Amino acid sequence: MKIFKTHFHEKQRAALTSVVAAVMLTVLKLLVGIMTNSLGILSEAAHSGLDLLAALVTFLAVRVSDKPADDHHPYGHGKIENLSALFETLLLLATCVWIIWEAVERLFYKPSVVDASIWAFLVMLTSIVVDISRSRMLYRAAEKFKSQALEADALHFSTDIWSSTVVIVGLVGVLIGGKFPALKFLHNADAVAALGVAFIVVWVSLQLGKRTIQALLDGAPLGLMDKIKECVETVPGVTDCHNIRVRTSGPRCFVDVHVLLDGKQTLDEAHRLTDHIENCIQELVSDCDVTVHPEPIETA
């Protein structure tokens, strides 16, 4: 119980740190974006704003997902993490729609002047440093606790690193275009950079969304059922392993298997053998709940 509480608080701490980082970055980017009229930075501010909302959802999801199973949720509350990740994906895609719309407006219909000041570069460089630190911390926590919600949050911060880099490239283009009249077309670099941000986020969001939907639809991890079958059939006394079913709920994995055993053995012997099978599967898949259904071998 003490270990569970320690893990629970560690997950919450990782999620809460993400919230604090998102607040700081959102405020900084919004202020500098308004000061400089940079769509690239404003799109990053919107991106960070939704990251903040997503981080809050992640924090709440982590608190709920570790609740023990009850009469209404016999498989526990782990699916809330998958729902959280899906919600974050939809938020990011909604942001991209606005960014693309505004970028096209600036490129073709409403040109605007961007001030590529030192503050613009400083806030984006600060964003990159914070994003690198937070994404590494969140990825470590996500891997340790097998948390899809924390992984989604880490993915957001990782995406921010690339998108912030794209924005800096756009600001450099604006700066060069202002100093060299022959390169005036680079004034559009900021809007193009915003499109770059949007396309990066769309691609990453679709990948995350695909995995999240698979988890919500109880899709089994690729190749896991074959590994379970191979593992179980190496146990002495097991003739065949079939009707394998695997589902995940947050960090936990639930496995059901049917096995053919010698029907002449005693109930106590069959029970010890099923315990051996459970241990074999749990060594293969950590934090796994296993149900073994023994069947007697049909003899002529």
C-alpha atoms as a PDB file:
ATOM      1  CA  MET A   1       0.000   0.000   0.000  1.00  0.00           C
ATOM      2  CA  LYS A   2       2.876   2.351   0.830  1.00  0.00           C
ATOM      3  CA  ILE A   3       4.474   1.690  -2.587  1.00  0.00           C
ATOM      4  CA  PHE A   4       1.132   2.347  -4.311  1.00  0.00           C
ATOM      5  CA  LYS A   5       0.768   5.699  -2.508  1.00  0.00           C
ATOM      6  CA  THR A   6       4.339   6.660  -3.448  1.00  0.00           C
ATOM      7  CA  HIS A   7       3.677   5.875  -7.122  1.00  0.00           C
ATOM      8  CA  PHE A   8       0.361   7.709  -6.977  1.00  0.00           C
ATOM      9  CA  HIS A   9       1.965  10.875  -5.589  1.00  0.00           C
ATOM     10  CA  GLU A  10       4.839  10.631  -8.069  1.00  0.00           C
ATOM     11  CA  LYS A  11       2.415  10.498 -11.009  1.00  0.00           C
ATOM     12  CA  GLN A  12       0.460  13.444  -9.608  1.00  0.00           C
ATOM     13  CA  ARG A  13       3.653  15.435  -9.110  1.00  0.00           C
ATOM     14  CA  ALA A  14       4.693  14.834 -12.729  1.00  0.00           C
ATOM     15  CA  ALA A  15       1.254  15.944 -13.978  1.00  0.00           C
ATOM     16  CA  LEU A  16       1.171  19.019 -11.712  1.00  0.00           C
ATOM     17  CA  THR A  17       4.657  20.116 -12.830  1.00  0.00           C
ATOM     18  CA  SER A  18       3.381  19.931 -16.403  1.00  0.00           C
ATOM     19  CA  VAL A  19       0.493  22.279 -15.468  1.00  0.00           C
ATOM     20  CA  VAL A  20       2.874  24.852 -13.954  1.00  0.00           C
ATOM     21  CA  ALA A  21       5.154  24.755 -17.014  1.00  0.00           C
ATOM     22  CA  ALA A  22       2.165  25.137 -19.367  1.00  0.00           C
ATOM     23  CA  VAL A  23       0.891  28.188 -17.443  1.00  0.00           C
ATOM     24  CA  MET A  24       4.273  29.913 -17.648  1.00  0.00           C
ATOM     25  CA  LEU A  25       4.755  29.231 -21.353  1.00  0.00           C
ATOM     26  CA  THR A  26       1.205  30.234 -22.301  1.00  0.00           C
ATOM     27  CA  VAL A  27       1.460  33.612 -20.535  1.00  0.00           C
ATOM     28  CA  LEU A  28       4.921  34.368 -21.954  1.00  0.00           C
ATOM     29  CA  LYS A  29       4.001  33.472 -25.533  1.00  0.00           C
ATOM     30  CA  LEU A  30       0.697  35.365 -25.409  1.00  0.00           C
ATOM     31  CA  LEU A  31       2.315  38.565 -24.134  1.00  0.00           C
ATOM     32  CA  VAL A  32       5.194  38.507 -26.625  1.00  0.00           C
ATOM     33  CA  GLY A  33       2.901  37.418 -29.478  1.00  0.00           C
ATOM     34  CA  ILE A  34       0.652  40.451 -28.892  1.00  0.00           C
ATOM     35  CA  MET A  35       3.677  42.765 -28.561  1.00  0.00           C
ATOM     36  CA  THR A  36       5.254  41.560 -31.821  1.00  0.00           C
ATOM     37  CA  ASN A  37       2.079  40.706 -33.801  1.00  0.00           C
ATOM     38  CA  SER A  38       3.722  37.365 -34.672  1.00  0.00           C
ATOM     39  CA  LEU A  39       1.207  34.745 -35.802  1.00  0.00           C
ATOM     40  CA  GLY A  40       3.857  32.102 -35.255  1.00  0.00           C
ATOM     41  CA  ILE A  41       4.173  33.041 -31.577  1.00  0.00           C
ATOM     42  CA  LEU A  42       0.419  33.563 -31.167  1.00  0.00           C
ATOM     43  CA  SER A  43      -0.189  30.122 -32.673  1.00  0.00           C
ATOM     44  CA  GLU A  44       2.331  28.757 -30.182  1.00  0.00           C
ATOM     45  CA  ALA A  45       0.495  30.611 -27.389  1.00  0.00           C
ATOM     46  CA  ALA A  46      -2.773  28.979 -28.486  1.00  0.00           C
ATOM     47  CA  HIS A  47      -0.976  25.647 -28.674  1.00  0.00           C
ATOM     48  CA  SER A  48       0.427  26.130 -25.153  1.00  0.00           C
ATOM     49  CA  GLY A  49      -2.983  27.285 -23.922  1.00  0.00           C
ATOM     50  CA  LEU A  50      -4.549  24.047 -25.033  1.00  0.00           C
ATOM     51  CA  ASP A  51      -1.560  22.209 -23.604  1.00  0.00           C
ATOM     52  CA  LEU A  52      -2.454  23.858 -20.302  1.00  0.00           C
ATOM     53  CA  LEU A  53      -6.028  22.627 -20.547  1.00  0.00           C
ATOM     54  CA  ALA A  54      -4.736  19.193 -21.542  1.00  0.00           C
ATOM     55  CA  ALA A  55      -2.289  19.197 -18.617  1.00  0.00           C
ATOM     56  CA  LEU A  56      -5.148  19.980 -16.235  1.00  0.00           C
ATOM     57  CA  VAL A  57      -7.194  17.128 -17.718  1.00  0.00           C
ATOM     58  CA  THR A  58      -4.156  14.844 -17.372  1.00  0.00           C
ATOM     59  CA  PHE A  59      -3.729  15.827 -13.725  1.00  0.00           C
ATOM     60  CA  LEU A  60      -7.381  14.988 -13.004  1.00  0.00           C
ATOM     61  CA  ALA A  61      -7.185  11.766 -15.050  1.00  0.00           C
ATOM     62  CA  VAL A  62      -4.135  10.570 -13.119  1.00  0.00           C
ATOM     63  CA  ARG A  63      -5.961  11.190  -9.825  1.00  0.00           C
ATOM     64  CA  VAL A  64      -9.016   9.200 -10.954  1.00  0.00           C
ATOM     65  CA  SER A  65      -7.298   6.400 -12.900  1.00  0.00           C
ATOM     66  CA  ASP A  66      -5.522   4.956  -9.845  1.00  0.00           C
ATOM     67  CA  LYS A  67      -8.747   4.432  -7.911  1.00  0.00           C
ATOM     68  CA  PRO A  68      -9.282   0.724  -7.132  1.00  0.00           C
ATOM     69  CA  ALA A  69     -11.905  -1.359  -8.910  1.00  0.00           C
ATOM     70  CA  ASP A  70     -15.454  -1.207  -7.571  1.00  0.00           C
ATOM     71  CA  ASP A  71     -18.849  -2.775  -8.293  1.00  0.00           C
ATOM     72  CA  HIS A  72     -19.481  -0.443 -11.238  1.00  0.00           C
ATOM     73  CA  HIS A  73     -15.931  -0.597 -12.622  1.00  0.00           C
ATOM     74  CA  PRO A  74     -14.654  -4.173 -12.126  1.00  0.00           C
ATOM     75  CA  TYR A  75     -11.660  -3.491 -14.400  1.00  0.00           C
ATOM     76  CA  GLY A  76     -10.709  -0.349 -12.468  1.00  0.00           C
ATOM     77  CA  HIS A  77     -10.655   3.262 -13.705  1.00  0.00           C
ATOM     78  CA  GLY A  78      -7.634   3.090 -16.011  1.00  0.00           C
ATOM     79  CA  LYS A  79      -9.627   3.919 -19.153  1.00  0.00           C
ATOM     80  CA  ILE A  80      -9.928   7.514 -17.930  1.00  0.00           C
ATOM     81  CA  GLU A  81      -6.291   7.949 -18.990  1.00  0.00           C
ATOM     82  CA  ASN A  82      -7.159   6.832 -22.514  1.00  0.00           C
ATOM     83  CA  LEU A  83     -10.101   9.245 -22.597  1.00  0.00           C
ATOM     84  CA  SER A  84      -7.811  12.018 -21.377  1.00  0.00           C
ATOM     85  CA  ALA A  85      -5.353  11.325 -24.191  1.00  0.00           C
ATOM     86  CA  LEU A  86      -8.183  11.364 -26.766  1.00  0.00           C
ATOM     87  CA  PHE A  87      -9.463  14.680 -25.386  1.00  0.00           C
ATOM     88  CA  GLU A  88      -5.977  16.175 -25.700  1.00  0.00           C
ATOM     89  CA  THR A  89      -5.779  14.992 -29.293  1.00  0.00           C
ATOM     90  CA  LEU A  90      -9.072  16.662 -30.219  1.00  0.00           C
ATOM     91  CA  LEU A  91      -7.951  19.902 -28.557  1.00  0.00           C
ATOM     92  CA  LEU A  92      -4.749  19.967 -30.583  1.00  0.00           C
ATOM     93  CA  LEU A  93      -6.587  19.320 -33.855  1.00  0.00           C
ATOM     94  CA  ALA A  94      -9.020  22.151 -33.061  1.00  0.00           C
ATOM     95  CA  THR A  95      -6.064  24.489 -32.521  1.00  0.00           C
ATOM     96  CA  CYS A  96      -4.614  23.512 -35.880  1.00  0.00           C
ATOM     97  CA  VAL A  97      -7.816  24.478 -37.682  1.00  0.00           C
ATOM     98  CA  TRP A  98      -7.534  28.034 -36.289  1.00  0.00           C
ATOM     99  CA  ILE A  99      -3.786  28.292 -37.028  1.00  0.00           C
ATOM    100  CA  ILE A 100      -4.182  27.154 -40.651  1.00  0.00           C
ATOM    101  CA  TRP A 101      -7.130  29.495 -41.221  1.00  0.00           C
ATOM    102  CA  GLU A 102      -5.271  32.510 -39.823  1.00  0.00           C
ATOM    103  CA  ALA A 103      -2.053  31.694 -41.697  1.00  0.00           C
ATOM    104  CA  VAL A 104      -3.878  31.460 -45.032  1.00  0.00           C
ATOM    105  CA  GLU A 105      -5.613  34.773 -44.282  1.00  0.00           C
ATOM    106  CA  ARG A 106      -2.261  36.489 -43.678  1.00  0.00           C
ATOM    107  CA  LEU A 107      -0.571  34.911 -46.681  1.00  0.00           C
ATOM    108  CA  PHE A 108      -3.252  35.750 -49.250  1.00  0.00           C
ATOM    109  CA  TYR A 109      -5.798  38.238 -47.902  1.00  0.00           C
ATOM    110  CA  LYS A 110      -4.651  40.260 -44.875  1.00  0.00           C
ATOM    111  CA  PRO A 111      -0.869  40.818 -44.830  1.00  0.00           C
ATOM    112  CA  SER A 112       0.471  42.034 -41.483  1.00  0.00           C
ATOM    113  CA  VAL A 113       3.757  43.388 -40.146  1.00  0.00           C
ATOM    114  CA  VAL A 114       5.637  41.230 -37.631  1.00  0.00           C
ATOM    115  CA  ASP A 115       8.156  42.697 -35.182  1.00  0.00           C
ATOM    116  CA  ALA A 116      10.976  40.127 -34.900  1.00  0.00           C
ATOM    117  CA  SER A 117      12.314  41.623 -31.661  1.00  0.00           C
ATOM    118  CA  ILE A 118      14.765  40.147 -29.191  1.00  0.00           C
ATOM    119  CA  TRP A 119      11.821  39.337 -26.907  1.00  0.00           C
ATOM    120  CA  ALA A 120      10.305  37.101 -29.550  1.00  0.00           C
ATOM    121  CA  PHE A 121      13.503  35.061 -29.801  1.00  0.00           C
ATOM    122  CA  LEU A 122      13.992  34.944 -26.027  1.00  0.00           C
ATOM    123  CA  VAL A 123      10.510  33.616 -25.297  1.00  0.00           C
ATOM    124  CA  MET A 124      10.817  30.884 -27.945  1.00  0.00           C
ATOM    125  CA  LEU A 125      14.264  29.833 -26.700  1.00  0.00           C
ATOM    126  CA  THR A 126      12.916  29.751 -23.142  1.00  0.00           C
ATOM    127  CA  SER A 127      10.029  27.638 -24.378  1.00  0.00           C
ATOM    128  CA  ILE A 128      12.413  25.129 -25.960  1.00  0.00           C
ATOM    129  CA  VAL A 129      14.476  24.788 -22.754  1.00  0.00           C
ATOM    130  CA  VAL A 130      11.349  24.257 -20.605  1.00  0.00           C
ATOM    131  CA  ASP A 131       9.814  21.843 -23.125  1.00  0.00           C
ATOM    132  CA  ILE A 132      12.945  19.685 -23.247  1.00  0.00           C
ATOM    133  CA  SER A 133      13.060  19.459 -19.448  1.00  0.00           C
ATOM    134  CA  ARG A 134       9.343  18.726 -19.013  1.00  0.00           C
ATOM    135  CA  SER A 135       9.067  16.218 -21.871  1.00  0.00           C
ATOM    136  CA  ARG A 136      11.978  14.160 -20.537  1.00  0.00           C
ATOM    137  CA  MET A 137      10.496  14.105 -17.045  1.00  0.00           C
ATOM    138  CA  LEU A 138       7.035  13.159 -18.333  1.00  0.00           C
ATOM    139  CA  TYR A 139       8.352  10.440 -20.655  1.00  0.00           C
ATOM    140  CA  ARG A 140      10.243   8.863 -17.755  1.00  0.00           C
ATOM    141  CA  ALA A 141       7.112   8.912 -15.580  1.00  0.00           C
ATOM    142  CA  ALA A 142       4.931   7.610 -18.440  1.00  0.00           C
ATOM    143  CA  GLU A 143       7.294   4.711 -19.098  1.00  0.00           C
ATOM    144  CA  LYS A 144       7.637   3.900 -15.403  1.00  0.00           C
ATOM    145  CA  PHE A 145       3.891   3.857 -14.717  1.00  0.00           C
ATOM    146  CA  LYS A 146       2.697   2.874 -18.232  1.00  0.00           C
ATOM    147  CA  SER A 147       0.506   5.980 -18.272  1.00  0.00           C
ATOM    148  CA  GLN A 148      -0.957   6.975 -21.639  1.00  0.00           C
ATOM    149  CA  ALA A 149      -2.181  10.264 -20.160  1.00  0.00           C
ATOM    150  CA  LEU A 150       1.345  11.251 -19.085  1.00  0.00           C
ATOM    151  CA  GLU A 151       2.703  10.020 -22.410  1.00  0.00           C
ATOM    152  CA  ALA A 152       0.229  12.278 -24.257  1.00  0.00           C
ATOM    153  CA  ASP A 153       1.344  15.212 -22.124  1.00  0.00           C
ATOM    154  CA  ALA A 154       4.993  14.411 -22.838  1.00  0.00           C
ATOM    155  CA  LEU A 155       4.191  14.206 -26.535  1.00  0.00           C
ATOM    156  CA  HIS A 156       2.695  17.699 -26.416  1.00  0.00           C
ATOM    157  CA  PHE A 157       5.835  19.165 -24.911  1.00  0.00           C
ATOM    158  CA  SER A 158       8.014  17.281 -27.417  1.00  0.00           C
ATOM    159  CA  THR A 159       5.900  18.664 -30.252  1.00  0.00           C
ATOM    160  CA  ASP A 160       6.354  22.151 -28.799  1.00  0.00           C
ATOM    161  CA  ILE A 161      10.130  21.800 -29.140  1.00  0.00           C
ATOM    162  CA  TRP A 162       9.867  21.287 -32.894  1.00  0.00           C
ATOM    163  CA  SER A 163       7.126  23.849 -33.420  1.00  0.00           C
ATOM    164  CA  SER A 164       9.067  26.482 -31.415  1.00  0.00           C
ATOM    165  CA  THR A 165      12.090  25.803 -33.601  1.00  0.00           C
ATOM    166  CA  VAL A 166       9.950  26.334 -36.705  1.00  0.00           C
ATOM    167  CA  VAL A 167       8.701  29.655 -35.301  1.00  0.00           C
ATOM    168  CA  ILE A 168      12.278  30.819 -34.651  1.00  0.00           C
ATOM    169  CA  VAL A 169      13.131  30.011 -38.286  1.00  0.00           C
ATOM    170  CA  GLY A 170      10.131  32.080 -39.350  1.00  0.00           C
ATOM    171  CA  LEU A 171      11.220  35.028 -37.202  1.00  0.00           C
ATOM    172  CA  VAL A 172      14.714  34.846 -38.682  1.00  0.00           C
ATOM    173  CA  GLY A 173      13.110  35.010 -42.136  1.00  0.00           C
ATOM    174  CA  VAL A 174      11.149  38.119 -41.127  1.00  0.00           C
ATOM    175  CA  LEU A 175      14.327  39.713 -39.773  1.00  0.00           C
ATOM    176  CA  ILE A 176      16.282  39.003 -42.962  1.00  0.00           C
ATOM    177  CA  GLY A 177      13.425  40.252 -45.139  1.00  0.00           C
ATOM    178  CA  GLY A 178      13.390  43.538 -43.223  1.00  0.00           C
ATOM    179  CA  LYS A 179      17.117  44.145 -43.691  1.00  0.00           C
ATOM    180  CA  PHE A 180      17.408  43.111 -47.348  1.00  0.00           C
ATOM    181  CA  PRO A 181      14.728  44.528 -49.699  1.00  0.00           C
ATOM    182  CA  ALA A 182      15.539  41.876 -52.325  1.00  0.00           C
ATOM    183  CA  LEU A 183      14.375  39.257 -49.837  1.00  0.00           C
ATOM    184  CA  LYS A 184      11.158  41.052 -48.932  1.00  0.00           C
ATOM    185  CA  PHE A 185       9.158  37.893 -49.633  1.00  0.00           C
ATOM    186  CA  LEU A 186      10.564  36.485 -46.374  1.00  0.00           C
ATOM    187  CA  HIS A 187       8.064  38.701 -44.518  1.00  0.00           C
ATOM    188  CA  ASN A 188       5.690  35.791 -45.080  1.00  0.00           C
ATOM    189  CA  ALA A 189       8.026  33.433 -43.237  1.00  0.00           C
ATOM    190  CA  ASP A 190       6.118  33.896 -39.968  1.00  0.00           C
ATOM    191  CA  ALA A 191       2.808  32.755 -41.466  1.00  0.00           C
ATOM    192  CA  VAL A 192       4.554  29.868 -43.231  1.00  0.00           C
ATOM    193  CA  ALA A 193       6.148  28.919 -39.903  1.00  0.00           C
ATOM    194  CA  ALA A 194       2.688  28.897 -38.311  1.00  0.00           C
ATOM    195  CA  LEU A 195       1.545  26.466 -41.009  1.00  0.00           C
ATOM    196  CA  GLY A 196       4.589  24.353 -40.202  1.00  0.00           C
ATOM    197  CA  VAL A 197       3.545  24.296 -36.547  1.00  0.00           C
ATOM    198  CA  ALA A 198       0.033  23.238 -37.514  1.00  0.00           C
ATOM    199  CA  PHE A 199       1.145  20.391 -39.787  1.00  0.00           C
ATOM    200  CA  ILE A 200       3.572  19.064 -37.165  1.00  0.00           C
ATOM    201  CA  VAL A 201       0.833  19.063 -34.531  1.00  0.00           C
ATOM    202  CA  VAL A 202      -1.717  17.442 -36.889  1.00  0.00           C
ATOM    203  CA  TRP A 203       0.651  14.587 -37.722  1.00  0.00           C
ATOM    204  CA  VAL A 204       1.582  13.896 -34.085  1.00  0.00           C
ATOM    205  CA  SER A 205      -2.043  14.217 -32.934  1.00  0.00           C
ATOM    206  CA  LEU A 206      -3.268  11.698 -35.490  1.00  0.00           C
ATOM    207  CA  GLN A 207      -0.643   9.177 -34.361  1.00  0.00           C
ATOM    208  CA  LEU A 208      -1.626   9.639 -30.725  1.00  0.00           C
ATOM    209  CA  GLY A 209      -5.338   9.553 -31.568  1.00  0.00           C
ATOM    210  CA  LYS A 210      -4.951   6.266 -33.444  1.00  0.00           C
ATOM    211  CA  ARG A 211      -3.258   4.598 -30.468  1.00  0.00           C
ATOM    212  CA  THR A 212      -5.767   6.057 -28.022  1.00  0.00           C
ATOM    213  CA  ILE A 213      -8.771   4.809 -29.995  1.00  0.00           C
ATOM    214  CA  GLN A 214      -7.158   1.364 -30.237  1.00  0.00           C
ATOM    215  CA  ALA A 215      -6.872   1.290 -26.438  1.00  0.00           C
ATOM    216  CA  LEU A 216     -10.476   2.446 -25.969  1.00  0.00           C
ATOM    217  CA  LEU A 217     -11.666  -0.267 -28.386  1.00  0.00           C
ATOM    218  CA  ASP A 218      -9.660  -2.876 -26.449  1.00  0.00           C
ATOM    219  CA  GLY A 219      -7.202  -3.410 -29.260  1.00  0.00           C
ATOM    220  CA  ALA A 220      -4.459  -5.833 -28.169  1.00  0.00           C
ATOM    221  CA  PRO A 221      -0.827  -4.676 -28.415  1.00  0.00           C
ATOM    222  CA  LEU A 222       0.665  -5.946 -31.673  1.00  0.00           C
ATOM    223  CA  GLY A 223       2.253  -9.387 -31.329  1.00  0.00           C
ATOM    224  CA  LEU A 224       1.441  -9.777 -27.624  1.00  0.00           C
ATOM    225  CA  MET A 225      -1.037 -12.651 -28.054  1.00  0.00           C
ATOM    226  CA  ASP A 226       1.511 -14.676 -30.038  1.00  0.00           C
ATOM    227  CA  LYS A 227       4.085 -14.123 -27.289  1.00  0.00           C
ATOM    228  CA  ILE A 228       1.582 -15.203 -24.618  1.00  0.00           C
ATOM    229  CA  LYS A 229       0.716 -18.381 -26.548  1.00  0.00           C
ATOM    230  CA  GLU A 230       4.394 -19.241 -26.996  1.00  0.00           C
ATOM    231  CA  CYS A 231       5.119 -18.534 -23.320  1.00  0.00           C
ATOM    232  CA  VAL A 232       2.218 -20.609 -21.952  1.00  0.00           C
ATOM    233  CA  GLU A 233       2.863 -23.605 -24.225  1.00  0.00           C
ATOM    234  CA  THR A 234       6.408 -23.867 -22.829  1.00  0.00           C
ATOM    235  CA  VAL A 235       4.969 -24.607 -19.362  1.00  0.00           C
ATOM    236  CA  PRO A 236       5.270 -28.367 -18.609  1.00  0.00           C
ATOM    237  CA  GLY A 237       1.820 -29.957 -18.541  1.00  0.00           C
ATOM    238  CA  VAL A 238       0.198 -27.529 -21.003  1.00  0.00           C
ATOM    239  CA  THR A 239      -0.740 -29.139 -24.309  1.00  0.00           C
ATOM    240  CA  ASP A 240      -2.292 -26.119 -26.010  1.00  0.00           C
ATOM    241  CA  CYS A 241      -3.120 -22.460 -25.322  1.00  0.00           C
ATOM    242  CA  HIS A 242      -6.038 -20.873 -27.231  1.00  0.00           C
ATOM    243  CA  ASN A 243      -8.891 -18.343 -26.991  1.00  0.00           C
ATOM    244  CA  ILE A 244      -6.412 -15.697 -25.833  1.00  0.00           C
ATOM    245  CA  ARG A 245      -7.943 -12.327 -25.057  1.00  0.00           C
ATOM    246  CA  VAL A 246      -6.053  -9.196 -24.070  1.00  0.00           C
ATOM    247  CA  ARG A 247      -7.353  -5.771 -23.076  1.00  0.00           C
ATOM    248  CA  THR A 248      -5.723  -2.769 -21.457  1.00  0.00           C
ATOM    249  CA  SER A 249      -7.159  -0.295 -18.974  1.00  0.00           C
ATOM    250  CA  GLY A 250      -4.749   2.550 -18.411  1.00  0.00           C
ATOM    251  CA  PRO A 251      -1.476   1.035 -17.199  1.00  0.00           C
ATOM    252  CA  ARG A 252      -3.012  -2.368 -16.396  1.00  0.00           C
ATOM    253  CA  CYS A 253      -3.346  -5.307 -18.750  1.00  0.00           C
ATOM    254  CA  PHE A 254      -6.001  -8.033 -18.472  1.00  0.00           C
ATOM    255  CA  VAL A 255      -5.362 -11.449 -20.044  1.00  0.00           C
ATOM    256  CA  ASP A 256      -7.732 -14.414 -20.417  1.00  0.00           C
ATOM    257  CA  VAL A 257      -6.455 -17.746 -21.746  1.00  0.00           C
ATOM    258  CA  HIS A 258      -7.829 -21.259 -22.244  1.00  0.00           C
ATOM    259  CA  VAL A 259      -5.414 -24.167 -21.836  1.00  0.00           C
ATOM    260  CA  LEU A 260      -5.618 -27.917 -22.471  1.00  0.00           C
ATOM    261  CA  LEU A 261      -4.416 -29.988 -19.491  1.00  0.00           C
ATOM    262  CA  ASP A 262      -4.410 -33.622 -18.458  1.00  0.00           C
ATOM    263  CA  GLY A 263      -7.934 -34.237 -17.196  1.00  0.00           C
ATOM    264  CA  LYS A 264      -6.826 -37.074 -14.895  1.00  0.00           C
ATOM    265  CA  GLN A 265      -4.860 -34.841 -12.528  1.00  0.00           C
ATOM    266  CA  THR A 266      -6.346 -33.712  -9.219  1.00  0.00           C
ATOM    267  CA  LEU A 267      -7.952 -30.303  -8.744  1.00  0.00           C
ATOM    268  CA  ASP A 268      -5.033 -29.296  -6.506  1.00  0.00           C
ATOM    269  CA  GLU A 269      -2.518 -30.236  -9.229  1.00  0.00           C
ATOM    270  CA  ALA A 270      -4.501 -28.333 -11.877  1.00  0.00           C
ATOM    271  CA  HIS A 271      -4.648 -25.283  -9.594  1.00  0.00           C
ATOM    272  CA  ARG A 272      -0.884 -25.306  -9.050  1.00  0.00           C
ATOM    273  CA  LEU A 273      -0.377 -25.582 -12.807  1.00  0.00           C
ATOM    274  CA  THR A 274      -2.666 -22.594 -13.519  1.00  0.00           C
ATOM    275  CA  ASP A 275      -0.717 -20.593 -10.912  1.00  0.00           C
ATOM    276  CA  HIS A 276       2.455 -21.454 -12.831  1.00  0.00           C
ATOM    277  CA  ILE A 277       0.797 -20.279 -16.063  1.00  0.00           C
ATOM    278  CA  GLU A 278      -0.250 -16.990 -14.431  1.00  0.00           C
ATOM    279  CA  ASN A 279       3.294 -16.376 -13.210  1.00  0.00           C
ATOM    280  CA  CYS A 280       4.653 -17.088 -16.680  1.00  0.00           C
ATOM    281  CA  ILE A 281       2.345 -14.482 -18.255  1.00  0.00           C
ATOM    282  CA  GLN A 282       3.005 -11.920 -15.496  1.00  0.00           C
ATOM    283  CA  GLU A 283       6.747 -12.227 -16.117  1.00  0.00           C
ATOM    284  CA  LEU A 284       6.042 -11.430 -19.772  1.00  0.00           C
ATOM    285  CA  VAL A 285       3.571  -8.582 -19.096  1.00  0.00           C
ATOM    286  CA  SER A 286       4.106  -6.547 -15.936  1.00  0.00           C
ATOM    287  CA  ASP A 287       1.109  -5.261 -13.905  1.00  0.00           C
ATOM    288  CA  CYS A 288      -1.093  -7.883 -15.503  1.00  0.00           C
ATOM    289  CA  ASP A 289      -4.314  -9.503 -14.254  1.00  0.00           C
ATOM    290  CA  VAL A 290      -4.532 -13.079 -15.584  1.00  0.00           C
ATOM    291  CA  THR A 291      -7.471 -15.488 -15.763  1.00  0.00           C
ATOM    292  CA  VAL A 292      -6.731 -19.096 -16.802  1.00  0.00           C
ATOM    293  CA  HIS A 293      -9.520 -21.442 -17.918  1.00  0.00           C
ATOM    294  CA  PRO A 294      -8.303 -25.073 -17.830  1.00  0.00           C
ATOM    295  CA  GLU A 295      -9.876 -27.667 -20.142  1.00  0.00           C
ATOM    296  CA  PRO A 296      -9.291 -31.438 -20.097  1.00  0.00           C
ATOM    297  CA  ILE A 297      -7.649 -33.050 -23.114  1.00  0.00           C
ATOM    298  CA  GLU A 298     -10.206 -35.037 -25.080  1.00  0.00           C
ATOM    299  CA  THR A 299      -9.185 -38.653 -25.373  1.00  0.00           C
ATOM    300  CA  ALA A 300     -10.552 -41.199 -27.815  1.00  0.00           C
END
